[in-house]
Amino acid sequence: MPGIERTVRIGSSHGLHARPAKLFAQAAKESGIPVTIAKGAGAPVNAASILGVIALGVEKGDYVTLSADGDAAEAVLDTLSELLTTDHDTEAAS
C-alpha cells in the first residue's frame, strides 16, 4: 500500500514550539506506524522525534506535509492533522 500524504496549515499561535511539538510527536509515536512531517519543500523528518519537529521551525500559518504508511495511515493522519490545525496556545491560556 503506498504512503498517504496530507498537507495542513499550522494553527498554534506560536507554531510548533515545545508544547504543540510534544503533543504532535507523542501522537505520531503512539500511532505505531512510520509518519514523517516536512515544511514546504524541505526534507521530511520523523514525526515522532520532538527535536526533529522543533528543528523544522514551523510557525503559525505555515504549511506542512504529513506522510504515513500502513493500514491505519488515513486515521492517523486525521488525528495528527487535527492536532496541527488546533491552536494549543489559546487552549493553554484559558
PDB file of N, CA and C in Angstrom:
ATOM      1  N   MET A   1       0.842  -1.185   0.000  1.00  0.00           N
ATOM      2  CA  MET A   1       0.000   0.000   0.000  1.00  0.00           C
ATOM      3  C   MET A   1       0.892   1.255   0.000  1.00  0.00           C
ATOM      4  N   PRO A   2       0.689   2.155  -0.948  1.00  0.00           N
ATOM      5  CA  PRO A   2       1.538   3.348  -0.983  1.00  0.00           C
ATOM      6  C   PRO A   2       1.223   4.281   0.181  1.00  0.00           C
ATOM      7  N   GLY A   3       2.201   5.081   0.558  1.00  0.00           N
ATOM      8  CA  GLY A   3       2.004   6.019   1.660  1.00  0.00           C
ATOM      9  C   GLY A   3       0.956   7.070   1.308  1.00  0.00           C
ATOM     10  N   ILE A   4       0.356   7.620   2.327  1.00  0.00           N
ATOM     11  CA  ILE A   4      -0.658   8.663   2.159  1.00  0.00           C
ATOM     12  C   ILE A   4      -0.044   9.976   2.605  1.00  0.00           C
ATOM     13  N   GLU A   5      -0.335  11.045   1.854  1.00  0.00           N
ATOM     14  CA  GLU A   5       0.172  12.365   2.220  1.00  0.00           C
ATOM     15  C   GLU A   5      -0.980  13.314   2.483  1.00  0.00           C
ATOM     16  N   ARG A   6      -0.748  14.268   3.368  1.00  0.00           N
ATOM     17  CA  ARG A   6      -1.741  15.299   3.623  1.00  0.00           C
ATOM     18  C   ARG A   6      -1.015  16.591   3.981  1.00  0.00           C
ATOM     19  N   THR A   7      -1.464  17.695   3.389  1.00  0.00           N
ATOM     20  CA  THR A   7      -0.872  18.997   3.702  1.00  0.00           C
ATOM     21  C   THR A   7      -1.841  19.776   4.575  1.00  0.00           C
ATOM     22  N   VAL A   8      -1.324  20.312   5.679  1.00  0.00           N
ATOM     23  CA  VAL A   8      -2.162  21.054   6.618  1.00  0.00           C
ATOM     24  C   VAL A   8      -1.487  22.366   6.998  1.00  0.00           C
ATOM     25  N   ARG A   9      -2.303  23.304   7.479  1.00  0.00           N
ATOM     26  CA  ARG A   9      -1.813  24.612   7.899  1.00  0.00           C
ATOM     27  C   ARG A   9      -1.753  24.643   9.425  1.00  0.00           C
ATOM     28  N   ILE A  10      -0.659  25.128   9.966  1.00  0.00           N
ATOM     29  CA  ILE A  10      -0.439  25.149  11.414  1.00  0.00           C
ATOM     30  C   ILE A  10      -1.342  26.177  12.085  1.00  0.00           C
ATOM     31  N   GLY A  11      -2.034  25.756  13.151  1.00  0.00           N
ATOM     32  CA  GLY A  11      -2.977  26.625  13.830  1.00  0.00           C
ATOM     33  C   GLY A  11      -2.465  27.258  15.109  1.00  0.00           C
ATOM     34  N   SER A  12      -1.437  26.676  15.744  1.00  0.00           N
ATOM     35  CA  SER A  12      -0.968  27.217  17.025  1.00  0.00           C
ATOM     36  C   SER A  12      -0.341  28.597  16.844  1.00  0.00           C
ATOM     37  N   SER A  13      -0.710  29.526  17.700  1.00  0.00           N
ATOM     38  CA  SER A  13      -0.253  30.915  17.621  1.00  0.00           C
ATOM     39  C   SER A  13       1.262  31.048  17.548  1.00  0.00           C
ATOM     40  N   HIS A  14       1.965  30.163  18.210  1.00  0.00           N
ATOM     41  CA  HIS A  14       3.426  30.246  18.240  1.00  0.00           C
ATOM     42  C   HIS A  14       4.073  29.127  17.432  1.00  0.00           C
ATOM     43  N   GLY A  15       3.314  28.511  16.534  1.00  0.00           N
ATOM     44  CA  GLY A  15       3.879  27.449  15.696  1.00  0.00           C
ATOM     45  C   GLY A  15       4.123  26.169  16.478  1.00  0.00           C
ATOM     46  N   LEU A  16       4.995  25.328  15.934  1.00  0.00           N
ATOM     47  CA  LEU A  16       5.282  24.045  16.588  1.00  0.00           C
ATOM     48  C   LEU A  16       6.460  24.193  17.538  1.00  0.00           C
ATOM     49  N   HIS A  17       6.246  24.913  18.628  1.00  0.00           N
ATOM     50  CA  HIS A  17       7.265  25.025  19.667  1.00  0.00           C
ATOM     51  C   HIS A  17       7.044  23.877  20.648  1.00  0.00           C
ATOM     52  N   ALA A  18       7.669  23.943  21.799  1.00  0.00           N
ATOM     53  CA  ALA A  18       7.723  22.810  22.727  1.00  0.00           C
ATOM     54  C   ALA A  18       6.404  22.078  22.976  1.00  0.00           C
ATOM     55  N   ARG A  19       5.365  22.778  23.450  1.00  0.00           N
ATOM     56  CA  ARG A  19       4.148  22.054  23.851  1.00  0.00           C
ATOM     57  C   ARG A  19       3.431  21.408  22.665  1.00  0.00           C
ATOM     58  N   PRO A  20       3.086  22.167  21.611  1.00  0.00           N
ATOM     59  CA  PRO A  20       2.418  21.524  20.473  1.00  0.00           C
ATOM     60  C   PRO A  20       3.302  20.470  19.796  1.00  0.00           C
ATOM     61  N   ALA A  21       4.602  20.723  19.729  1.00  0.00           N
ATOM     62  CA  ALA A  21       5.518  19.749  19.113  1.00  0.00           C
ATOM     63  C   ALA A  21       5.535  18.462  19.913  1.00  0.00           C
ATOM     64  N   LYS A  22       5.496  18.588  21.236  1.00  0.00           N
ATOM     65  CA  LYS A  22       5.500  17.401  22.096  1.00  0.00           C
ATOM     66  C   LYS A  22       4.208  16.606  21.908  1.00  0.00           C
ATOM     67  N   LEU A  23       3.076  17.299  21.904  1.00  0.00           N
ATOM     68  CA  LEU A  23       1.786  16.623  21.702  1.00  0.00           C
ATOM     69  C   LEU A  23       1.762  15.896  20.363  1.00  0.00           C
ATOM     70  N   PHE A  24       2.254  16.587  19.329  1.00  0.00           N
ATOM     71  CA  PHE A  24       2.259  16.021  17.986  1.00  0.00           C
ATOM     72  C   PHE A  24       3.188  14.805  17.898  1.00  0.00           C
ATOM     73  N   ALA A  25       4.429  14.960  18.376  1.00  0.00           N
ATOM     74  CA  ALA A  25       5.411  13.872  18.292  1.00  0.00           C
ATOM     75  C   ALA A  25       4.952  12.653  19.094  1.00  0.00           C
ATOM     76  N   GLN A  26       4.343  12.911  20.253  1.00  0.00           N
ATOM     77  CA  GLN A  26       3.843  11.823  21.095  1.00  0.00           C
ATOM     78  C   GLN A  26       2.735  11.050  20.357  1.00  0.00           C
ATOM     79  N   ALA A  27       1.818  11.783  19.723  1.00  0.00           N
ATOM     80  CA  ALA A  27       0.725  11.139  18.990  1.00  0.00           C
ATOM     81  C   ALA A  27       1.272  10.350  17.798  1.00  0.00           C
ATOM     82  N   ALA A  28       2.282  10.902  17.124  1.00  0.00           N
ATOM     83  CA  ALA A  28       2.889  10.203  15.984  1.00  0.00           C
ATOM     84  C   ALA A  28       3.545   8.905  16.456  1.00  0.00           C
ATOM     85  N   LYS A  29       4.242   8.983  17.580  1.00  0.00           N
ATOM     86  CA  LYS A  29       4.922   7.810  18.128  1.00  0.00           C
ATOM     87  C   LYS A  29       3.907   6.736  18.527  1.00  0.00           C
ATOM     88  N   GLU A  30       2.823   7.173  19.186  1.00  0.00           N
ATOM     89  CA  GLU A  30       1.810   6.228  19.663  1.00  0.00           C
ATOM     90  C   GLU A  30       1.004   5.597  18.535  1.00  0.00           C
ATOM     91  N   SER A  31       1.055   6.181  17.347  1.00  0.00           N
ATOM     92  CA  SER A  31       0.288   5.645  16.216  1.00  0.00           C
ATOM     93  C   SER A  31       0.794   4.266  15.791  1.00  0.00           C
ATOM     94  N   GLY A  32       2.069   3.999  16.083  1.00  0.00           N
ATOM     95  CA  GLY A  32       2.628   2.698  15.756  1.00  0.00           C
ATOM     96  C   GLY A  32       2.985   2.505  14.291  1.00  0.00           C
ATOM     97  N   ILE A  33       2.838   3.544  13.468  1.00  0.00           N
ATOM     98  CA  ILE A  33       3.240   3.445  12.059  1.00  0.00           C
ATOM     99  C   ILE A  33       4.212   4.578  11.750  1.00  0.00           C
ATOM    100  N   PRO A  34       5.059   4.401  10.712  1.00  0.00           N
ATOM    101  CA  PRO A  34       6.009   5.460  10.379  1.00  0.00           C
ATOM    102  C   PRO A  34       5.297   6.699   9.820  1.00  0.00           C
ATOM    103  N   VAL A  35       5.573   7.850  10.426  1.00  0.00           N
ATOM    104  CA  VAL A  35       4.986   9.116   9.974  1.00  0.00           C
ATOM    105  C   VAL A  35       6.116  10.131   9.817  1.00  0.00           C
ATOM    106  N   THR A  36       6.090  10.901   8.740  1.00  0.00           N
ATOM    107  CA  THR A  36       7.057  11.976   8.575  1.00  0.00           C
ATOM    108  C   THR A  36       6.316  13.300   8.424  1.00  0.00           C
ATOM    109  N   ILE A  37       7.031  14.387   8.704  1.00  0.00           N
ATOM    110  CA  ILE A  37       6.489  15.735   8.540  1.00  0.00           C
ATOM    111  C   ILE A  37       7.552  16.569   7.828  1.00  0.00           C
ATOM    112  N   ALA A  38       7.116  17.367   6.862  1.00  0.00           N
ATOM    113  CA  ALA A  38       8.035  18.234   6.127  1.00  0.00           C
ATOM    114  C   ALA A  38       7.438  19.628   6.042  1.00  0.00           C
ATOM    115  N   LYS A  39       8.289  20.647   6.108  1.00  0.00           N
ATOM    116  CA  LYS A  39       7.844  22.031   5.969  1.00  0.00           C
ATOM    117  C   LYS A  39       8.176  22.486   4.554  1.00  0.00           C
ATOM    118  N   GLY A  40       7.144  22.941   3.838  1.00  0.00           N
ATOM    119  CA  GLY A  40       7.362  23.400   2.461  1.00  0.00           C
ATOM    120  C   GLY A  40       8.031  22.329   1.624  1.00  0.00           C
ATOM    121  N   ALA A  41       9.093  22.708   0.925  1.00  0.00           N
ATOM    122  CA  ALA A  41       9.809  21.762   0.067  1.00  0.00           C
ATOM    123  C   ALA A  41      10.990  21.127   0.798  1.00  0.00           C
ATOM    124  N   GLY A  42      11.045  21.322   2.117  1.00  0.00           N
ATOM    125  CA  GLY A  42      12.155  20.788   2.911  1.00  0.00           C
ATOM    126  C   GLY A  42      12.109  19.274   3.040  1.00  0.00           C
ATOM    127  N   ALA A  43      13.207  18.731   3.531  1.00  0.00           N
ATOM    128  CA  ALA A  43      13.310  17.282   3.724  1.00  0.00           C
ATOM    129  C   ALA A  43      12.400  16.845   4.868  1.00  0.00           C
ATOM    130  N   PRO A  44      11.723  15.699   4.706  1.00  0.00           N
ATOM    131  CA  PRO A  44      10.859  15.200   5.784  1.00  0.00           C
ATOM    132  C   PRO A  44      11.669  14.690   6.967  1.00  0.00           C
ATOM    133  N   VAL A  45      11.114  14.844   8.154  1.00  0.00           N
ATOM    134  CA  VAL A  45      11.732  14.310   9.369  1.00  0.00           C
ATOM    135  C   VAL A  45      10.750  13.353  10.032  1.00  0.00           C
ATOM    136  N   ASN A  46      11.264  12.513  10.906  1.00  0.00           N
ATOM    137  CA  ASN A  46      10.444  11.581  11.672  1.00  0.00           C
ATOM    138  C   ASN A  46       9.506  12.382  12.569  1.00  0.00           C
ATOM    139  N   ALA A  47       8.209  12.216  12.379  1.00  0.00           N
ATOM    140  CA  ALA A  47       7.221  12.975  13.146  1.00  0.00           C
ATOM    141  C   ALA A  47       7.222  12.599  14.624  1.00  0.00           C
ATOM    142  N   ALA A  48       7.775  11.443  14.967  1.00  0.00           N
ATOM    143  CA  ALA A  48       7.808  11.010  16.357  1.00  0.00           C
ATOM    144  C   ALA A  48       9.006  11.595  17.112  1.00  0.00           C
ATOM    145  N   SER A  49       9.860  12.340  16.412  1.00  0.00           N
ATOM    146  CA  SER A  49      11.036  12.941  17.028  1.00  0.00           C
ATOM    147  C   SER A  49      10.737  14.394  17.400  1.00  0.00           C
ATOM    148  N   ILE A  50      10.588  14.668  18.703  1.00  0.00           N
ATOM    149  CA  ILE A  50      10.253  16.030  19.129  1.00  0.00           C
ATOM    150  C   ILE A  50      11.328  17.020  18.679  1.00  0.00           C
ATOM    151  N   LEU A  51      12.597  16.613  18.762  1.00  0.00           N
ATOM    152  CA  LEU A  51      13.680  17.520  18.339  1.00  0.00           C
ATOM    153  C   LEU A  51      13.631  17.774  16.843  1.00  0.00           C
ATOM    154  N   GLY A  52      13.328  16.727  16.069  1.00  0.00           N
ATOM    155  CA  GLY A  52      13.208  16.876  14.616  1.00  0.00           C
ATOM    156  C   GLY A  52      12.077  17.822  14.255  1.00  0.00           C
ATOM    157  N   VAL A  53      10.955  17.686  14.954  1.00  0.00           N
ATOM    158  CA  VAL A  53       9.778  18.525  14.692  1.00  0.00           C
ATOM    159  C   VAL A  53      10.076  19.981  15.042  1.00  0.00           C
ATOM    160  N   ILE A  54      10.683  20.224  16.201  1.00  0.00           N
ATOM    161  CA  ILE A  54      11.021  21.585  16.608  1.00  0.00           C
ATOM    162  C   ILE A  54      12.040  22.199  15.638  1.00  0.00           C
ATOM    163  N   ALA A  55      13.002  21.376  15.201  1.00  0.00           N
ATOM    164  CA  ALA A  55      14.060  21.868  14.298  1.00  0.00           C
ATOM    165  C   ALA A  55      13.518  22.358  12.959  1.00  0.00           C
ATOM    166  N   LEU A  56      12.301  21.942  12.586  1.00  0.00           N
ATOM    167  CA  LEU A  56      11.708  22.410  11.327  1.00  0.00           C
ATOM    168  C   LEU A  56      11.419  23.910  11.372  1.00  0.00           C
ATOM    169  N   GLY A  57      11.269  24.456  12.581  1.00  0.00           N
ATOM    170  CA  GLY A  57      10.995  25.884  12.726  1.00  0.00           C
ATOM    171  C   GLY A  57       9.652  26.295  12.147  1.00  0.00           C
ATOM    172  N   VAL A  58       8.635  25.493  12.412  1.00  0.00           N
ATOM    173  CA  VAL A  58       7.303  25.741  11.845  1.00  0.00           C
ATOM    174  C   VAL A  58       6.583  26.836  12.622  1.00  0.00           C
ATOM    175  N   GLU A  59       6.078  27.829  11.907  1.00  0.00           N
ATOM    176  CA  GLU A  59       5.361  28.950  12.513  1.00  0.00           C
ATOM    177  C   GLU A  59       3.870  28.862  12.192  1.00  0.00           C
ATOM    178  N   LYS A  60       3.063  29.650  12.915  1.00  0.00           N
ATOM    179  CA  LYS A  60       1.617  29.711  12.645  1.00  0.00           C
ATOM    180  C   LYS A  60       1.396  30.091  11.180  1.00  0.00           C
ATOM    181  N   GLY A  61       0.497  29.368  10.527  1.00  0.00           N
ATOM    182  CA  GLY A  61       0.170  29.660   9.138  1.00  0.00           C
ATOM    183  C   GLY A  61       1.035  28.928   8.128  1.00  0.00           C
ATOM    184  N   ASP A  62       2.137  28.329   8.572  1.00  0.00           N
ATOM    185  CA  ASP A  62       2.979  27.546   7.669  1.00  0.00           C
ATOM    186  C   ASP A  62       2.238  26.288   7.245  1.00  0.00           C
ATOM    187  N   TYR A  63       2.577  25.809   6.066  1.00  0.00           N
ATOM    188  CA  TYR A  63       2.014  24.546   5.595  1.00  0.00           C
ATOM    189  C   TYR A  63       3.044  23.438   5.775  1.00  0.00           C
ATOM    190  N   VAL A  64       2.579  22.303   6.277  1.00  0.00           N
ATOM    191  CA  VAL A  64       3.444  21.134   6.420  1.00  0.00           C
ATOM    192  C   VAL A  64       2.778  19.952   5.725  1.00  0.00           C
ATOM    193  N   THR A  65       3.603  19.029   5.280  1.00  0.00           N
ATOM    194  CA  THR A  65       3.086  17.823   4.638  1.00  0.00           C
ATOM    195  C   THR A  65       3.389  16.622   5.520  1.00  0.00           C
ATOM    196  N   LEU A  66       2.333  15.899   5.860  1.00  0.00           N
ATOM    197  CA  LEU A  66       2.458  14.673   6.643  1.00  0.00           C
ATOM    198  C   LEU A  66       2.402  13.484   5.703  1.00  0.00           C
ATOM    199  N   SER A  67       3.209  12.482   5.981  1.00  0.00           N
ATOM    200  CA  SER A  67       3.163  11.231   5.216  1.00  0.00           C
ATOM    201  C   SER A  67       3.120  10.077   6.199  1.00  0.00           C
ATOM    202  N   ALA A  68       2.284   9.094   5.890  1.00  0.00           N
ATOM    203  CA  ALA A  68       2.186   7.911   6.750  1.00  0.00           C
ATOM    204  C   ALA A  68       2.030   6.679   5.875  1.00  0.00           C
ATOM    205  N   ASP A  69       2.490   5.572   6.403  1.00  0.00           N
ATOM    206  CA  ASP A  69       2.444   4.311   5.693  1.00  0.00           C
ATOM    207  C   ASP A  69       1.875   3.243   6.608  1.00  0.00           C
ATOM    208  N   GLY A  70       0.911   2.480   6.127  1.00  0.00           N
ATOM    209  CA  GLY A  70       0.358   1.413   6.949  1.00  0.00           C
ATOM    210  C   GLY A  70      -1.149   1.367   6.854  1.00  0.00           C
ATOM    211  N   ASP A  71      -1.728   0.350   7.480  1.00  0.00           N
ATOM    212  CA  ASP A  71      -3.173   0.126   7.412  1.00  0.00           C
ATOM    213  C   ASP A  71      -3.974   1.289   7.981  1.00  0.00           C
ATOM    214  N   ALA A  72      -3.474   1.864   9.073  1.00  0.00           N
ATOM    215  CA  ALA A  72      -4.235   2.913   9.758  1.00  0.00           C
ATOM    216  C   ALA A  72      -3.802   4.312   9.332  1.00  0.00           C
ATOM    217  N   ALA A  73      -3.055   4.432   8.234  1.00  0.00           N
ATOM    218  CA  ALA A  73      -2.474   5.719   7.832  1.00  0.00           C
ATOM    219  C   ALA A  73      -3.510   6.839   7.739  1.00  0.00           C
ATOM    220  N   GLU A  74      -4.656   6.549   7.148  1.00  0.00           N
ATOM    221  CA  GLU A  74      -5.696   7.570   6.971  1.00  0.00           C
ATOM    222  C   GLU A  74      -6.176   8.107   8.325  1.00  0.00           C
ATOM    223  N   ALA A  75      -6.472   7.211   9.248  1.00  0.00           N
ATOM    224  CA  ALA A  75      -6.954   7.604  10.576  1.00  0.00           C
ATOM    225  C   ALA A  75      -5.872   8.343  11.357  1.00  0.00           C
ATOM    226  N   VAL A  76      -4.627   7.881  11.242  1.00  0.00           N
ATOM    227  CA  VAL A  76      -3.513   8.533  11.935  1.00  0.00           C
ATOM    228  C   VAL A  76      -3.339   9.956  11.417  1.00  0.00           C
ATOM    229  N   LEU A  77      -3.401  10.130  10.100  1.00  0.00           N
ATOM    230  CA  LEU A  77      -3.253  11.469   9.530  1.00  0.00           C
ATOM    231  C   LEU A  77      -4.420  12.374   9.921  1.00  0.00           C
ATOM    232  N   ASP A  78      -5.610  11.810  10.066  1.00  0.00           N
ATOM    233  CA  ASP A  78      -6.758  12.595  10.548  1.00  0.00           C
ATOM    234  C   ASP A  78      -6.456  13.165  11.941  1.00  0.00           C
ATOM    235  N   THR A  79      -5.996  12.296  12.833  1.00  0.00           N
ATOM    236  CA  THR A  79      -5.696  12.688  14.211  1.00  0.00           C
ATOM    237  C   THR A  79      -4.578  13.719  14.255  1.00  0.00           C
ATOM    238  N   LEU A  80      -3.477  13.452  13.529  1.00  0.00           N
ATOM    239  CA  LEU A  80      -2.330  14.351  13.554  1.00  0.00           C
ATOM    240  C   LEU A  80      -2.666  15.697  12.910  1.00  0.00           C
ATOM    241  N   SER A  81      -3.459  15.672  11.849  1.00  0.00           N
ATOM    242  CA  SER A  81      -3.864  16.923  11.185  1.00  0.00           C
ATOM    243  C   SER A  81      -4.662  17.793  12.141  1.00  0.00           C
ATOM    244  N   GLU A  82      -5.540  17.163  12.906  1.00  0.00           N
ATOM    245  CA  GLU A  82      -6.360  17.907  13.861  1.00  0.00           C
ATOM    246  C   GLU A  82      -5.480  18.554  14.931  1.00  0.00           C
ATOM    247  N   LEU A  83      -4.457  17.826  15.384  1.00  0.00           N
ATOM    248  CA  LEU A  83      -3.529  18.377  16.369  1.00  0.00           C
ATOM    249  C   LEU A  83      -2.817  19.612  15.813  1.00  0.00           C
ATOM    250  N   LEU A  84      -2.431  19.550  14.545  1.00  0.00           N
ATOM    251  CA  LEU A  84      -1.668  20.649  13.939  1.00  0.00           C
ATOM    252  C   LEU A  84      -2.523  21.873  13.653  1.00  0.00           C
ATOM    253  N   THR A  85      -3.794  21.672  13.332  1.00  0.00           N
ATOM    254  CA  THR A  85      -4.643  22.812  12.979  1.00  0.00           C
ATOM    255  C   THR A  85      -5.281  23.467  14.207  1.00  0.00           C
ATOM    256  N   THR A  86      -5.205  22.807  15.367  1.00  0.00           N
ATOM    257  CA  THR A  86      -5.742  23.359  16.619  1.00  0.00           C
ATOM    258  C   THR A  86      -4.746  24.350  17.206  1.00  0.00           C
ATOM    259  N   ASP A  87      -5.245  25.462  17.744  1.00  0.00           N
ATOM    260  CA  ASP A  87      -4.363  26.415  18.408  1.00  0.00           C
ATOM    261  C   ASP A  87      -4.210  26.006  19.869  1.00  0.00           C
ATOM    262  N   HIS A  88      -3.144  25.286  20.156  1.00  0.00           N
ATOM    263  CA  HIS A  88      -2.895  24.799  21.520  1.00  0.00           C
ATOM    264  C   HIS A  88      -2.463  25.929  22.450  1.00  0.00           C
ATOM    265  N   ASP A  89      -2.049  27.044  21.887  1.00  0.00           N
ATOM    266  CA  ASP A  89      -1.599  28.159  22.714  1.00  0.00           C
ATOM    267  C   ASP A  89      -2.773  28.876  23.369  1.00  0.00           C
ATOM    268  N   THR A  90      -3.904  28.999  22.678  1.00  0.00           N
ATOM    269  CA  THR A  90      -5.061  29.645  23.300  1.00  0.00           C
ATOM    270  C   THR A  90      -5.721  28.702  24.303  1.00  0.00           C
ATOM    271  N   GLU A  91      -5.651  27.394  24.036  1.00  0.00           N
ATOM    272  CA  GLU A  91      -6.186  26.413  24.979  1.00  0.00           C
ATOM    273  C   GLU A  91      -5.467  26.508  26.315  1.00  0.00           C
ATOM    274  N   ALA A  92      -4.157  26.644  26.252  1.00  0.00           N
ATOM    275  CA  ALA A  92      -3.338  26.687  27.462  1.00  0.00           C
ATOM    276  C   ALA A  92      -3.634  27.947  28.276  1.00  0.00           C
ATOM    277  N   ALA A  93      -3.983  29.021  27.586  1.00  0.00           N
ATOM    278  CA  ALA A  93      -4.218  30.300  28.260  1.00  0.00           C
ATOM    279  C   ALA A  93      -5.583  30.355  28.959  1.00  0.00           C
ATOM    280  N   SER A  94      -6.523  29.538  28.494  1.00  0.00           N
ATOM    281  CA  SER A  94      -7.876  29.644  29.063  1.00  0.00           C
ATOM    282  C   SER A  94      -8.048  28.838  30.324  1.00  0.00           C
TER     283      SER A  94
END
